[in-house]
Amino acid sequence: MSRYEYASIINNDTYHIPAQLMEYEIQLFDAIESSRLKLVNDIRIGELSPNQQSKLLMVKYGVDILEEESVVTVNFIDYLTGRPIASCRRAYTTLGFSVSADIRGAIKRVAKQIAETFPK
């Protein structure tokens, strides 16, 4: 894990951030930036040197809203090999009182896990 320095959010025609996470997109970007990983716009990946590309992770988000809790998952995939490297997954519940509070809580927990997985 220590060799990775860069992250790029997957953003193309085949992948879109889940609708449930749209309003939380800034918090998700902040979660990545709370780690040592530097965000790189997907358009700029070609500007990275081969050495930098070997230190790049692609990032995918997912959300699962259940009756009893919300779960946010952030997957990190090696850019050159396509191999999954890490998956950070956290849940939060308000016992069904507030889905938005559940998602916010899960994002905060997953941000902490990302920072622990890729410490500065």
Protein backbone atom coordinates (compact mmCIF):
# COMPACT_ATOMS: atom_id res chain seq x y z
CA MET A 1 0.00 0.00 0.00
CA SER A 2 2.86 2.36 0.73
CA ARG A 3 3.87 2.68 -2.92
CA TYR A 4 0.64 4.37 -3.97
CA GLU A 5 0.65 8.17 -4.12
CA TYR A 6 -2.17 9.13 -6.50
CA ALA A 7 -5.88 8.47 -6.84
CA SER A 8 -8.36 9.21 -9.60
CA ILE A 9 -12.11 8.92 -9.26
CA ILE A 10 -13.57 6.74 -11.99
CA ASN A 11 -15.73 9.05 -14.10
CA ASN A 12 -16.66 7.83 -17.55
CA ASP A 13 -19.67 6.80 -19.59
CA THR A 14 -19.86 3.37 -17.95
CA TYR A 15 -19.63 4.55 -14.34
CA HIS A 16 -21.50 7.31 -12.60
CA ILE A 17 -21.53 8.14 -8.92
CA PRO A 18 -24.62 6.55 -7.38
CA ALA A 19 -27.55 8.96 -7.22
CA GLN A 20 -27.76 8.54 -3.45
CA LEU A 21 -24.21 9.92 -3.14
CA MET A 22 -24.54 12.92 -5.47
CA GLU A 23 -25.14 15.43 -2.70
CA TYR A 24 -22.26 13.91 -0.71
CA GLU A 25 -19.71 13.97 -3.53
CA ILE A 26 -17.65 16.74 -1.91
CA GLN A 27 -17.42 14.76 1.33
CA LEU A 28 -16.27 11.72 -0.65
CA PHE A 29 -13.53 13.74 -2.37
CA ASP A 30 -12.54 15.14 1.04
CA ALA A 31 -12.35 11.57 2.35
CA ILE A 32 -9.71 10.74 -0.28
CA GLU A 33 -7.82 13.96 0.40
CA SER A 34 -7.68 13.14 4.13
CA SER A 35 -5.19 10.42 3.18
CA ARG A 36 -1.75 10.76 1.60
CA LEU A 37 -3.22 10.13 -1.87
CA LYS A 38 -3.18 13.10 -4.23
CA LEU A 39 -6.26 13.36 -6.44
CA VAL A 40 -5.65 13.40 -10.19
CA ASN A 41 -8.39 14.30 -12.65
CA ASP A 42 -9.03 11.37 -14.99
CA ILE A 43 -8.40 13.64 -17.99
CA ARG A 44 -4.85 14.30 -16.71
CA ILE A 45 -3.80 10.68 -16.16
CA GLY A 46 -2.03 10.69 -19.54
CA GLU A 47 0.15 13.56 -18.30
CA LEU A 48 1.56 11.40 -15.50
CA SER A 49 4.92 9.74 -16.08
CA PRO A 50 4.98 5.91 -16.29
CA ASN A 51 6.49 5.89 -12.79
CA GLN A 52 3.64 8.05 -11.46
CA GLN A 53 1.05 5.88 -13.24
CA SER A 54 2.50 2.84 -11.43
CA LYS A 55 1.61 4.64 -8.17
CA LEU A 56 -1.96 5.46 -9.24
CA LEU A 57 -5.16 3.99 -7.87
CA MET A 58 -8.55 4.26 -9.51
CA VAL A 59 -11.38 4.85 -7.04
CA LYS A 60 -14.98 3.59 -7.24
CA TYR A 61 -17.76 4.45 -4.79
CA GLY A 62 -20.84 2.52 -3.88
CA VAL A 63 -23.73 2.91 -1.46
CA ASP A 64 -26.18 0.40 -0.08
CA ILE A 65 -29.18 1.87 1.70
CA LEU A 66 -30.87 -0.73 3.83
CA GLU A 67 -33.83 -0.34 6.14
CA GLU A 68 -31.63 -0.57 9.22
CA GLU A 69 -28.43 1.17 8.00
CA SER A 70 -26.54 2.78 5.13
CA VAL A 71 -23.23 1.36 3.92
CA VAL A 72 -20.64 3.30 1.89
CA THR A 73 -17.90 1.36 0.09
CA VAL A 74 -14.83 2.87 -1.56
CA ASN A 75 -12.73 0.52 -3.71
CA PHE A 76 -9.15 1.22 -4.78
CA ILE A 77 -7.92 -0.41 -8.01
CA ASP A 78 -4.37 -0.49 -9.36
CA TYR A 79 -4.36 1.65 -12.53
CA LEU A 80 -1.92 -0.51 -14.51
CA THR A 81 -3.19 -3.97 -13.58
CA GLY A 82 -6.87 -3.38 -12.82
CA ARG A 83 -6.37 -5.41 -9.64
CA PRO A 84 -8.37 -4.38 -6.57
CA ILE A 85 -5.91 -3.23 -3.89
CA ALA A 86 -8.13 -2.15 -1.00
CA SER A 87 -11.76 -1.78 -0.09
CA CYS A 88 -12.92 0.57 2.64
CA ARG A 89 -16.44 -0.10 3.84
CA ARG A 90 -18.33 1.43 6.72
CA ALA A 91 -21.93 1.54 7.89
CA TYR A 92 -23.93 3.89 10.04
CA THR A 93 -27.43 3.79 11.39
CA THR A 94 -29.96 6.09 12.98
CA LEU A 95 -32.31 3.11 13.22
CA GLY A 96 -34.22 4.24 10.15
CA PHE A 97 -34.91 7.81 11.30
CA SER A 98 -32.76 9.59 8.71
CA VAL A 99 -31.23 8.10 5.56
CA SER A 100 -29.19 11.26 4.91
CA ALA A 101 -27.75 11.14 8.45
CA ASP A 102 -26.93 7.46 7.91
CA ILE A 103 -25.04 8.25 4.70
CA ARG A 104 -23.17 11.18 6.30
CA GLY A 105 -22.20 8.98 9.23
CA ALA A 106 -21.03 6.17 6.96
CA ILE A 107 -18.96 8.64 4.89
CA LYS A 108 -17.27 9.96 8.04
CA ARG A 109 -16.43 6.43 9.11
CA VAL A 110 -15.14 5.41 5.68
CA ALA A 111 -13.03 8.62 5.52
CA LYS A 112 -11.34 7.58 8.77
CA GLN A 113 -10.69 4.11 7.36
CA ILE A 114 -9.22 5.57 4.14
CA ALA A 115 -6.88 7.80 6.18
CA GLU A 116 -5.77 4.75 8.19
CA THR A 117 -5.28 2.63 5.06
CA PHE A 118 -3.26 5.34 3.25
CA PRO A 119 -1.70 7.35 6.13
CA LYS A 120 0.10 10.64 5.45
